[in-house]
PDB file of all heavy atoms in Angstrom:
ATOM      1  N   MET A   1     -86.604  38.854 -40.829  1.00  0.00           N
ATOM      2  CA  MET A   1     -85.267  38.299 -40.876  1.00  0.00           C
ATOM      3  C   MET A   1     -84.327  39.089 -39.997  1.00  0.00           C
ATOM      4  O   MET A   1     -83.484  38.491 -39.293  1.00  0.00           O
ATOM      5  CB  MET A   1     -84.785  38.342 -42.342  1.00  0.00           C
ATOM      6  CG  MET A   1     -85.521  37.369 -43.262  1.00  0.00           C
ATOM      7  SD  MET A   1     -84.819  37.409 -44.926  1.00  0.00           S
ATOM      8  CE  MET A   1     -85.965  36.320 -45.759  1.00  0.00           C
ATOM      9  N   MET A   2     -84.419  40.417 -40.025  1.00  0.00           N
ATOM     10  CA  MET A   2     -83.589  41.211 -39.113  1.00  0.00           C
ATOM     11  C   MET A   2     -83.994  40.959 -37.674  1.00  0.00           C
ATOM     12  O   MET A   2     -83.126  40.940 -36.787  1.00  0.00           O
ATOM     13  CB  MET A   2     -83.724  42.694 -39.478  1.00  0.00           C
ATOM     14  CG  MET A   2     -82.932  43.619 -38.542  1.00  0.00           C
ATOM     15  SD  MET A   2     -81.160  43.255 -38.454  1.00  0.00           S
ATOM     16  CE  MET A   2     -80.551  44.264 -39.825  1.00  0.00           C
ATOM     17  N   ALA A   3     -85.293  40.782 -37.405  1.00  0.00           N
ATOM     18  CA  ALA A   3     -85.743  40.510 -36.035  1.00  0.00           C
ATOM     19  C   ALA A   3     -85.144  39.202 -35.517  1.00  0.00           C
ATOM     20  O   ALA A   3     -84.664  39.125 -34.377  1.00  0.00           O
ATOM     21  CB  ALA A   3     -87.248  40.480 -36.006  1.00  0.00           C
ATOM     22  N   TYR A   4     -85.193  38.141 -36.335  1.00  0.00           N
ATOM     23  CA  TYR A   4     -84.560  36.870 -35.962  1.00  0.00           C
ATOM     24  C   TYR A   4     -83.049  37.065 -35.719  1.00  0.00           C
ATOM     25  O   TYR A   4     -82.487  36.560 -34.749  1.00  0.00           O
ATOM     26  CB  TYR A   4     -84.732  35.841 -37.097  1.00  0.00           C
ATOM     27  CG  TYR A   4     -85.977  34.997 -36.999  1.00  0.00           C
ATOM     28  CD1 TYR A   4     -86.869  34.944 -38.058  1.00  0.00           C
ATOM     29  CD2 TYR A   4     -86.191  34.178 -35.899  1.00  0.00           C
ATOM     30  CE1 TYR A   4     -87.984  34.114 -38.011  1.00  0.00           C
ATOM     31  CE2 TYR A   4     -87.309  33.348 -35.845  1.00  0.00           C
ATOM     32  CZ  TYR A   4     -88.194  33.327 -36.883  1.00  0.00           C
ATOM     33  OH  TYR A   4     -89.293  32.485 -36.835  1.00  0.00           O
ATOM     34  N   HIS A   5     -82.400  37.827 -36.580  1.00  0.00           N
ATOM     35  CA  HIS A   5     -80.965  38.043 -36.493  1.00  0.00           C
ATOM     36  C   HIS A   5     -80.655  38.777 -35.171  1.00  0.00           C
ATOM     37  O   HIS A   5     -79.680  38.432 -34.481  1.00  0.00           O
ATOM     38  CB  HIS A   5     -80.540  38.900 -37.685  1.00  0.00           C
ATOM     39  CG  HIS A   5     -79.056  39.129 -37.753  1.00  0.00           C
ATOM     40  ND1 HIS A   5     -78.155  38.113 -38.044  1.00  0.00           N
ATOM     41  CD2 HIS A   5     -78.295  40.241 -37.551  1.00  0.00           C
ATOM     42  CE1 HIS A   5     -76.941  38.619 -38.029  1.00  0.00           C
ATOM     43  NE2 HIS A   5     -76.990  39.906 -37.748  1.00  0.00           N
ATOM     44  N   GLN A   6     -81.479  39.741 -34.791  1.00  0.00           N
ATOM     45  CA  GLN A   6     -81.258  40.469 -33.527  1.00  0.00           C
ATOM     46  C   GLN A   6     -81.411  39.533 -32.344  1.00  0.00           C
ATOM     47  O   GLN A   6     -80.728  39.672 -31.335  1.00  0.00           O
ATOM     48  CB  GLN A   6     -82.250  41.619 -33.427  1.00  0.00           C
ATOM     49  CG  GLN A   6     -81.992  42.756 -34.382  1.00  0.00           C
ATOM     50  CD  GLN A   6     -80.698  43.485 -34.109  1.00  0.00           C
ATOM     51  OE1 GLN A   6     -80.477  44.009 -32.982  1.00  0.00           O
ATOM     52  NE2 GLN A   6     -79.768  43.520 -35.065  1.00  0.00           N
ATOM     53  N   ALA A   7     -82.298  38.552 -32.447  1.00  0.00           N
ATOM     54  CA  ALA A   7     -82.490  37.590 -31.332  1.00  0.00           C
ATOM     55  C   ALA A   7     -81.190  36.787 -31.096  1.00  0.00           C
ATOM     56  O   ALA A   7     -80.955  36.351 -29.970  1.00  0.00           O
ATOM     57  CB  ALA A   7     -83.650  36.639 -31.644  1.00  0.00           C
ATOM     58  N   VAL A   8     -80.387  36.618 -32.135  1.00  0.00           N
ATOM     59  CA  VAL A   8     -79.129  35.867 -32.024  1.00  0.00           C
ATOM     60  C   VAL A   8     -77.994  36.752 -31.540  1.00  0.00           C
ATOM     61  O   VAL A   8     -77.240  36.394 -30.629  1.00  0.00           O
ATOM     62  CB  VAL A   8     -78.774  35.235 -33.355  1.00  0.00           C
ATOM     63  CG1 VAL A   8     -77.414  34.566 -33.279  1.00  0.00           C
ATOM     64  CG2 VAL A   8     -79.817  34.172 -33.758  1.00  0.00           C
ATOM     65  N   ILE A   9     -77.861  37.948 -32.133  1.00  0.00           N
ATOM     66  CA  ILE A   9     -76.676  38.771 -31.892  1.00  0.00           C
ATOM     67  C   ILE A   9     -76.841  39.764 -30.752  1.00  0.00           C
ATOM     68  O   ILE A   9     -75.849  40.219 -30.162  1.00  0.00           O
ATOM     69  CB  ILE A   9     -76.214  39.492 -33.142  1.00  0.00           C
ATOM     70  CG1 ILE A   9     -77.219  40.574 -33.572  1.00  0.00           C
ATOM     71  CG2 ILE A   9     -75.920  38.507 -34.265  1.00  0.00           C
ATOM     72  CD1 ILE A   9     -76.661  41.530 -34.625  1.00  0.00           C
ATOM     73  N   SER A  10     -78.099  40.153 -30.434  1.00  0.00           N
ATOM     74  CA  SER A  10     -78.291  41.195 -29.399  1.00  0.00           C
ATOM     75  C   SER A  10     -79.610  41.003 -28.650  1.00  0.00           C
ATOM     76  O   SER A  10     -80.396  41.945 -28.537  1.00  0.00           O
ATOM     77  CB  SER A  10     -78.237  42.589 -30.055  1.00  0.00           C
ATOM     78  OG  SER A  10     -78.186  43.572 -29.093  1.00  0.00           O
ATOM     79  N   PRO A  11     -79.848  39.809 -28.106  1.00  0.00           N
ATOM     80  CA  PRO A  11     -81.193  39.552 -27.493  1.00  0.00           C
ATOM     81  C   PRO A  11     -81.489  40.452 -26.298  1.00  0.00           C
ATOM     82  O   PRO A  11     -82.676  40.729 -26.053  1.00  0.00           O
ATOM     83  CB  PRO A  11     -81.071  38.077 -27.086  1.00  0.00           C
ATOM     84  CG  PRO A  11     -79.586  37.834 -26.914  1.00  0.00           C
ATOM     85  CD  PRO A  11     -78.926  38.671 -27.983  1.00  0.00           C
ATOM     86  N   ASN A  12     -80.472  40.852 -25.559  1.00  0.00           N
ATOM     87  CA  ASN A  12     -80.720  41.641 -24.363  1.00  0.00           C
ATOM     88  C   ASN A  12     -81.096  43.089 -24.612  1.00  0.00           C
ATOM     89  O   ASN A  12     -81.329  43.854 -23.700  1.00  0.00           O
ATOM     90  CB  ASN A  12     -79.484  41.564 -23.424  1.00  0.00           C
ATOM     91  CG  ASN A  12     -79.270  40.178 -22.904  1.00  0.00           C
ATOM     92  OD1 ASN A  12     -80.233  39.447 -22.585  1.00  0.00           O
ATOM     93  ND2 ASN A  12     -78.039  39.744 -22.829  1.00  0.00           N
ATOM     94  N   THR A  13     -81.150  43.465 -25.881  1.00  0.00           N
ATOM     95  CA  THR A  13     -81.587  44.814 -26.257  1.00  0.00           C
ATOM     96  C   THR A  13     -83.116  44.915 -26.221  1.00  0.00           C
ATOM     97  O   THR A  13     -83.651  46.012 -26.132  1.00  0.00           O
ATOM     98  CB  THR A  13     -81.072  45.144 -27.687  1.00  0.00           C
ATOM     99  OG1 THR A  13     -79.643  45.063 -27.698  1.00  0.00           O
ATOM    100  CG2 THR A  13     -81.487  46.554 -28.118  1.00  0.00           C
ATOM    101  N   TYR A  14     -83.797  43.774 -26.180  1.00  0.00           N
ATOM    102  CA  TYR A  14     -85.243  43.754 -26.364  1.00  0.00           C
ATOM    103  C   TYR A  14     -85.935  42.990 -25.221  1.00  0.00           C
ATOM    104  O   TYR A  14     -85.355  42.087 -24.631  1.00  0.00           O
ATOM    105  CB  TYR A  14     -85.574  43.104 -27.705  1.00  0.00           C
ATOM    106  CG  TYR A  14     -84.824  43.678 -28.859  1.00  0.00           C
ATOM    107  CD1 TYR A  14     -83.654  43.075 -29.300  1.00  0.00           C
ATOM    108  CD2 TYR A  14     -85.232  44.862 -29.477  1.00  0.00           C
ATOM    109  CE1 TYR A  14     -82.941  43.624 -30.339  1.00  0.00           C
ATOM    110  CE2 TYR A  14     -84.511  45.415 -30.529  1.00  0.00           C
ATOM    111  CZ  TYR A  14     -83.349  44.777 -30.954  1.00  0.00           C
ATOM    112  OH  TYR A  14     -82.621  45.316 -31.959  1.00  0.00           O
ATOM    113  N   SER A  15     -87.190  43.348 -24.988  1.00  0.00           N
ATOM    114  CA  SER A  15     -88.017  42.603 -24.058  1.00  0.00           C
ATOM    115  C   SER A  15     -88.719  41.433 -24.753  1.00  0.00           C
ATOM    116  O   SER A  15     -88.742  40.324 -24.261  1.00  0.00           O
ATOM    117  CB  SER A  15     -89.098  43.512 -23.435  1.00  0.00           C
ATOM    118  OG  SER A  15     -89.851  44.149 -24.458  1.00  0.00           O
ATOM    119  N   TYR A  16     -89.256  41.711 -25.961  1.00  0.00           N
ATOM    120  CA  TYR A  16     -89.959  40.681 -26.772  1.00  0.00           C
ATOM    121  C   TYR A  16     -89.573  40.917 -28.229  1.00  0.00           C
ATOM    122  O   TYR A  16     -89.342  42.048 -28.633  1.00  0.00           O
ATOM    123  CB  TYR A  16     -91.465  40.765 -26.609  1.00  0.00           C
ATOM    124  CG  TYR A  16     -91.927  40.614 -25.171  1.00  0.00           C
ATOM    125  CD1 TYR A  16     -92.267  41.732 -24.433  1.00  0.00           C
ATOM    126  CD2 TYR A  16     -92.051  39.342 -24.611  1.00  0.00           C
ATOM    127  CE1 TYR A  16     -92.689  41.605 -23.099  1.00  0.00           C
ATOM    128  CE2 TYR A  16     -92.469  39.193 -23.294  1.00  0.00           C
ATOM    129  CZ  TYR A  16     -92.793  40.322 -22.549  1.00  0.00           C
ATOM    130  OH  TYR A  16     -93.202  40.183 -21.246  1.00  0.00           O
ATOM    131  N   ILE A  17     -89.530  39.814 -28.982  1.00  0.00           N
ATOM    132  CA  ILE A  17     -89.261  39.906 -30.426  1.00  0.00           C
ATOM    133  C   ILE A  17     -90.376  39.132 -31.149  1.00  0.00           C
ATOM    134  O   ILE A  17     -90.682  37.983 -30.823  1.00  0.00           O
ATOM    135  CB  ILE A  17     -87.904  39.346 -30.777  1.00  0.00           C
ATOM    136  CG1 ILE A  17     -86.806  40.166 -30.067  1.00  0.00           C
ATOM    137  CG2 ILE A  17     -87.668  39.371 -32.280  1.00  0.00           C
ATOM    138  CD1 ILE A  17     -85.383  39.635 -30.322  1.00  0.00           C
ATOM    139  N   PHE A  18     -90.981  39.778 -32.144  1.00  0.00           N
ATOM    140  CA  PHE A  18     -92.059  39.197 -32.938  1.00  0.00           C
ATOM    141  C   PHE A  18     -91.627  39.078 -34.406  1.00  0.00           C
ATOM    142  O   PHE A  18     -91.771  40.022 -35.154  1.00  0.00           O
ATOM    143  CB  PHE A  18     -93.325  40.075 -32.879  1.00  0.00           C
ATOM    144  CG  PHE A  18     -94.096  39.985 -31.621  1.00  0.00           C
ATOM    145  CD1 PHE A  18     -93.649  40.533 -30.443  1.00  0.00           C
ATOM    146  CD2 PHE A  18     -95.359  39.389 -31.606  1.00  0.00           C
ATOM    147  CE1 PHE A  18     -94.391  40.476 -29.265  1.00  0.00           C
ATOM    148  CE2 PHE A  18     -96.115  39.320 -30.452  1.00  0.00           C
ATOM    149  CZ  PHE A  18     -95.630  39.852 -29.276  1.00  0.00           C
ATOM    150  N   PRO A  19     -91.088  37.935 -34.829  1.00  0.00           N
ATOM    151  CA  PRO A  19     -90.795  37.736 -36.244  1.00  0.00           C
ATOM    152  C   PRO A  19     -91.994  37.102 -36.946  1.00  0.00           C
ATOM    153  O   PRO A  19     -92.423  35.997 -36.572  1.00  0.00           O
ATOM    154  CB  PRO A  19     -89.603  36.791 -36.245  1.00  0.00           C
ATOM    155  CG  PRO A  19     -89.317  36.455 -34.800  1.00  0.00           C
ATOM    156  CD  PRO A  19     -90.519  36.819 -34.046  1.00  0.00           C
ATOM    157  N   ILE A  20     -92.565  37.812 -37.938  1.00  0.00           N
ATOM    158  CA  ILE A  20     -93.726  37.326 -38.628  1.00  0.00           C
ATOM    159  C   ILE A  20     -93.357  36.965 -40.065  1.00  0.00           C
ATOM    160  O   ILE A  20     -92.901  37.792 -40.825  1.00  0.00           O
ATOM    161  CB  ILE A  20     -94.843  38.396 -38.689  1.00  0.00           C
ATOM    162  CG1 ILE A  20     -94.988  39.133 -37.327  1.00  0.00           C
ATOM    163  CG2 ILE A  20     -96.154  37.820 -39.143  1.00  0.00           C
ATOM    164  CD1 ILE A  20     -95.397  38.265 -36.187  1.00  0.00           C
ATOM    165  N   SER A  21     -93.540  35.676 -40.426  1.00  0.00           N
ATOM    166  CA  SER A  21     -93.283  35.196 -41.789  1.00  0.00           C
ATOM    167  C   SER A  21     -91.843  35.493 -42.228  1.00  0.00           C
ATOM    168  O   SER A  21     -91.568  35.975 -43.333  1.00  0.00           O
ATOM    169  CB  SER A  21     -94.275  35.858 -42.791  1.00  0.00           C
ATOM    170  OG  SER A  21     -95.607  35.597 -42.409  1.00  0.00           O
ATOM    171  N   GLY A  22     -90.871  35.160 -41.355  1.00  0.00           N
ATOM    172  CA  GLY A  22     -89.493  35.408 -41.684  1.00  0.00           C
ATOM    173  C   GLY A  22     -88.642  34.169 -41.443  1.00  0.00           C
ATOM    174  O   GLY A  22     -89.141  33.063 -41.245  1.00  0.00           O
ATOM    175  N   SER A  23     -87.311  34.367 -41.467  1.00  0.00           N
ATOM    176  CA  SER A  23     -86.408  33.240 -41.190  1.00  0.00           C
ATOM    177  C   SER A  23     -85.051  33.792 -40.748  1.00  0.00           C
ATOM    178  O   SER A  23     -84.778  34.974 -40.876  1.00  0.00           O
ATOM    179  CB  SER A  23     -86.225  32.363 -42.442  1.00  0.00           C
ATOM    180  OG  SER A  23     -85.341  33.005 -43.370  1.00  0.00           O
ATOM    181  N   LEU A  24     -84.197  32.897 -40.249  1.00  0.00           N
ATOM    182  CA  LEU A  24     -82.876  33.264 -39.814  1.00  0.00           C
ATOM    183  C   LEU A  24     -81.853  33.255 -40.947  1.00  0.00           C
ATOM    184  O   LEU A  24     -80.690  33.631 -40.727  1.00  0.00           O
ATOM    185  CB  LEU A  24     -82.400  32.266 -38.754  1.00  0.00           C
ATOM    186  CG  LEU A  24     -82.496  32.752 -37.320  1.00  0.00           C
ATOM    187  CD1 LEU A  24     -82.145  31.612 -36.384  1.00  0.00           C
ATOM    188  CD2 LEU A  24     -81.592  33.941 -37.063  1.00  0.00           C
ATOM    189  N   LYS A  25     -82.248  32.840 -42.125  1.00  0.00           N
ATOM    190  CA  LYS A  25     -81.345  32.742 -43.254  1.00  0.00           C
ATOM    191  C   LYS A  25     -80.105  31.907 -42.914  1.00  0.00           C
ATOM    192  O   LYS A  25     -80.249  30.748 -42.542  1.00  0.00           O
ATOM    193  CB  LYS A  25     -80.951  34.130 -43.759  1.00  0.00           C
ATOM    194  CG  LYS A  25     -82.078  34.923 -44.394  1.00  0.00           C
ATOM    195  CD  LYS A  25     -82.658  34.247 -45.619  1.00  0.00           C
ATOM    196  CE  LYS A  25     -81.836  34.558 -46.856  1.00  0.00           C
ATOM    197  NZ  LYS A  25     -82.454  34.032 -48.075  1.00  0.00           N
ATOM    198  N   TYR A  26     -78.944  32.495 -42.963  1.00  0.00           N
ATOM    199  CA  TYR A  26     -77.703  31.724 -42.869  1.00  0.00           C
ATOM    200  C   TYR A  26     -77.359  31.215 -41.480  1.00  0.00           C
ATOM    201  O   TYR A  26     -76.628  30.276 -41.293  1.00  0.00           O
ATOM    202  CB  TYR A  26     -76.526  32.493 -43.414  1.00  0.00           C
ATOM    203  CG  TYR A  26     -76.103  33.679 -42.566  1.00  0.00           C
ATOM    204  CD1 TYR A  26     -75.116  33.512 -41.603  1.00  0.00           C
ATOM    205  CD2 TYR A  26     -76.673  34.899 -42.740  1.00  0.00           C
ATOM    206  CE1 TYR A  26     -74.720  34.562 -40.805  1.00  0.00           C
ATOM    207  CE2 TYR A  26     -76.293  35.979 -41.943  1.00  0.00           C
ATOM    208  CZ  TYR A  26     -75.318  35.827 -40.989  1.00  0.00           C
ATOM    209  OH  TYR A  26     -74.959  36.855 -40.203  1.00  0.00           O
ATOM    210  N   TYR A  27     -77.914  31.853 -40.409  1.00  0.00           N
ATOM    211  CA  TYR A  27     -77.484  31.506 -39.070  1.00  0.00           C
ATOM    212  C   TYR A  27     -77.815  30.063 -38.706  1.00  0.00           C
ATOM    213  O   TYR A  27     -77.015  29.365 -38.121  1.00  0.00           O
ATOM    214  CB  TYR A  27     -78.094  32.438 -38.027  1.00  0.00           C
ATOM    215  CG  TYR A  27     -77.086  33.412 -37.490  1.00  0.00           C
ATOM    216  CD1 TYR A  27     -77.132  34.743 -37.773  1.00  0.00           C
ATOM    217  CD2 TYR A  27     -76.034  32.970 -36.669  1.00  0.00           C
ATOM    218  CE1 TYR A  27     -76.215  35.636 -37.280  1.00  0.00           C
ATOM    219  CE2 TYR A  27     -75.102  33.855 -36.191  1.00  0.00           C
ATOM    220  CZ  TYR A  27     -75.174  35.158 -36.489  1.00  0.00           C
ATOM    221  OH  TYR A  27     -74.254  36.040 -36.017  1.00  0.00           O
ATOM    222  N   SER A  28     -79.000  29.618 -39.065  1.00  0.00           N
ATOM    223  CA  SER A  28     -79.446  28.279 -38.650  1.00  0.00           C
ATOM    224  C   SER A  28     -78.592  27.199 -39.384  1.00  0.00           C
ATOM    225  O   SER A  28     -78.569  26.048 -38.889  1.00  0.00           O
ATOM    226  CB  SER A  28     -80.926  28.076 -38.983  1.00  0.00           C
ATOM    227  OG  SER A  28     -81.165  28.275 -40.343  1.00  0.00           O
ATOM    228  N   LYS A  29     -77.936  27.551 -40.445  1.00  0.00           N
ATOM    229  CA  LYS A  29     -77.133  26.573 -41.215  1.00  0.00           C
ATOM    230  C   LYS A  29     -75.630  26.627 -40.869  1.00  0.00           C
ATOM    231  O   LYS A  29     -74.984  25.626 -40.691  1.00  0.00           O
ATOM    232  CB  LYS A  29     -77.327  26.793 -42.692  1.00  0.00           C
ATOM    233  CG  LYS A  29     -78.775  26.599 -43.135  1.00  0.00           C
ATOM    234  CD  LYS A  29     -78.942  26.962 -44.615  1.00  0.00           C
ATOM    235  CE  LYS A  29     -80.421  26.809 -45.037  1.00  0.00           C
ATOM    236  NZ  LYS A  29     -80.611  27.246 -46.430  1.00  0.00           N
ATOM    237  N   ASN A  30     -75.113  27.862 -40.770  1.00  0.00           N
ATOM    238  CA  ASN A  30     -73.652  28.014 -40.655  1.00  0.00           C
ATOM    239  C   ASN A  30     -73.160  28.297 -39.247  1.00  0.00           C
ATOM    240  O   ASN A  30     -71.940  28.297 -39.028  1.00  0.00           O
ATOM    241  CB  ASN A  30     -73.202  29.151 -41.580  1.00  0.00           C
ATOM    242  CG  ASN A  30     -73.490  28.881 -43.029  1.00  0.00           C
ATOM    243  OD1 ASN A  30     -73.778  27.728 -43.396  1.00  0.00           O
ATOM    244  ND2 ASN A  30     -73.473  29.887 -43.844  1.00  0.00           N
ATOM    245  N   GLN A  31     -74.067  28.537 -38.299  1.00  0.00           N
ATOM    246  CA  GLN A  31     -73.614  28.868 -36.953  1.00  0.00           C
ATOM    247  C   GLN A  31     -74.140  27.866 -35.934  1.00  0.00           C
ATOM    248  O   GLN A  31     -74.485  28.172 -34.808  1.00  0.00           O
ATOM    249  CB  GLN A  31     -74.137  30.274 -36.592  1.00  0.00           C
ATOM    250  CG  GLN A  31     -73.653  31.360 -37.542  1.00  0.00           C
ATOM    251  CD  GLN A  31     -72.181  31.624 -37.401  1.00  0.00           C
ATOM    252  OE1 GLN A  31     -71.612  31.503 -36.315  1.00  0.00           O
ATOM    253  NE2 GLN A  31     -71.538  32.006 -38.501  1.00  0.00           N
ATOM    254  N   ALA A  32     -74.259  26.610 -36.349  1.00  0.00           N
ATOM    255  CA  ALA A  32     -74.883  25.577 -35.524  1.00  0.00           C
ATOM    256  C   ALA A  32     -74.178  25.356 -34.185  1.00  0.00           C
ATOM    257  O   ALA A  32     -74.774  24.936 -33.214  1.00  0.00           O
ATOM    258  CB  ALA A  32     -74.944  24.268 -36.278  1.00  0.00           C
ATOM    259  N   LYS A  33     -72.903  25.696 -34.128  1.00  0.00           N
ATOM    260  CA  LYS A  33     -72.148  25.495 -32.888  1.00  0.00           C
ATOM    261  C   LYS A  33     -72.078  26.743 -32.043  1.00  0.00           C
ATOM    262  O   LYS A  33     -71.250  26.815 -31.072  1.00  0.00           O
ATOM    263  CB  LYS A  33     -70.727  24.998 -33.212  1.00  0.00           C
ATOM    264  CG  LYS A  33     -70.731  23.632 -33.888  1.00  0.00           C
ATOM    265  CD  LYS A  33     -69.300  23.141 -34.154  1.00  0.00           C
ATOM    266  CE  LYS A  33     -69.347  21.774 -34.827  1.00  0.00           C
ATOM    267  NZ  LYS A  33     -67.971  21.278 -35.127  1.00  0.00           N
ATOM    268  N   LEU A  34     -72.878  27.734 -32.352  1.00  0.00           N
ATOM    269  CA  LEU A  34     -72.855  28.981 -31.554  1.00  0.00           C
ATOM    270  C   LEU A  34     -73.221  28.648 -30.107  1.00  0.00           C
ATOM    271  O   LEU A  34     -74.093  27.853 -29.840  1.00  0.00           O
ATOM    272  CB  LEU A  34     -73.895  29.973 -32.132  1.00  0.00           C
ATOM    273  CG  LEU A  34     -73.867  31.373 -31.571  1.00  0.00           C
ATOM    274  CD1 LEU A  34     -72.623  32.085 -32.038  1.00  0.00           C
ATOM    275  CD2 LEU A  34     -75.102  32.152 -32.017  1.00  0.00           C
TER     276      LEU A  34
END
């Protein structure tokens, strides 16, 4: 969940992100117009 969150708020900090069995929680619902 934190890995997904980082992909949204700070993607350029990482080369690759591997979220295993997680979710974005509130972002996919409340931030649709990001």
